[in-house]
């Protein structure tokens, strides 16, 4: 595990903030005409796993129901005591589709609780397979990460846009 997430965060808890926006429309001429955007929201319960890179696996409810995997690709301590993380997510939905994202999260320490952090994550949807083929959009989350137990609990919200076939 990376140094900051590794030993420190496996003994800490975190919370986060979530908001979502729609990514702009636009496709190659003749390929796709428009994007159909759908609001999604739900919860994620995940566990931090050991090893490099730091990974979390969890279950997802709501509009992206299924499972998720998050991989921390980089992290950096900030002057205010927070930690900025860059991540990738794969959401495997119950219909077998996969939605992929690239994300930036900030974990803010909770002063009254050793090892606790407030967390906010902004997800940029980069594509997918199955029903999520060509997907775009954004997601955000808020929640709690208890790194003593390695458990993450959060709420997500956002808009997923998928391509409509040309007519």
Foldseek 3Di string as FASTA:
>chain_A
DDDCCPPLQLQAKEKEDKDWDFDDWDDDPPFFDTKDKDKWKWKWKWFWDDDPPIKIKTATDIPLGDIKMKTFPDWDQDPQRKMKTWIKMWRQGPVRKIWIWTKIKIWADDVVDRRWTWMKMKIWTDAIDDVGHPKTTIKMKIWMARSNNRMTMIMMIYMIIDTDGDD
